[in-house]
Amino acid sequence: KRHKLKYGMVTMCVGTGQGAAGIFEAV
């Protein structure tokens, strides 16, 4: 679970919006 959280944070940093949306959809 921790790894997923870190990945989500990185994605949010890379693309605040598109990346976050992709992660939320994956979950």
C-alpha atoms as a PDB file:
ATOM      1  CA  LYS A   1       0.000   0.000   0.000  1.00  0.00           C
ATOM      2  CA  ARG A   2       2.869   2.335   0.791  1.00  0.00           C
ATOM      3  CA  HIS A   3       4.399   1.782  -2.638  1.00  0.00           C
ATOM      4  CA  LYS A   4       1.114   2.653  -4.313  1.00  0.00           C
ATOM      5  CA  LEU A   5       0.864   5.860  -2.302  1.00  0.00           C
ATOM      6  CA  LYS A   6       4.376   6.910  -3.348  1.00  0.00           C
ATOM      7  CA  TYR A   7       3.584   6.137  -6.980  1.00  0.00           C
ATOM      8  CA  GLY A   8       0.428   8.236  -6.783  1.00  0.00           C
ATOM      9  CA  MET A   9       2.360  11.151  -5.311  1.00  0.00           C
ATOM     10  CA  VAL A  10       4.949  10.989  -8.096  1.00  0.00           C
ATOM     11  CA  THR A  11       2.235  10.817 -10.735  1.00  0.00           C
ATOM     12  CA  MET A  12       0.517  13.839  -9.231  1.00  0.00           C
ATOM     13  CA  CYS A  13       3.817  15.729  -9.376  1.00  0.00           C
ATOM     14  CA  VAL A  14       4.435  14.736 -12.995  1.00  0.00           C
ATOM     15  CA  GLY A  15       0.918  15.539 -14.201  1.00  0.00           C
ATOM     16  CA  THR A  16      -1.302  17.179 -11.619  1.00  0.00           C
ATOM     17  CA  GLY A  17      -4.662  16.217 -13.062  1.00  0.00           C
ATOM     18  CA  GLN A  18      -4.147  13.756 -15.893  1.00  0.00           C
ATOM     19  CA  GLY A  19      -1.787  11.591 -13.847  1.00  0.00           C
ATOM     20  CA  ALA A  20      -3.950  11.747 -10.719  1.00  0.00           C
ATOM     21  CA  ALA A  21      -7.039  10.866 -12.768  1.00  0.00           C
ATOM     22  CA  GLY A  22      -5.238   7.863 -14.279  1.00  0.00           C
ATOM     23  CA  ILE A  23      -4.178   6.588 -10.858  1.00  0.00           C
ATOM     24  CA  PHE A  24      -7.683   7.038  -9.439  1.00  0.00           C
ATOM     25  CA  GLU A  25      -9.127   5.135 -12.399  1.00  0.00           C
ATOM     26  CA  ALA A  26      -6.589   2.327 -11.960  1.00  0.00           C
ATOM     27  CA  VAL A  27      -7.658   1.954  -8.308  1.00  0.00           C
END
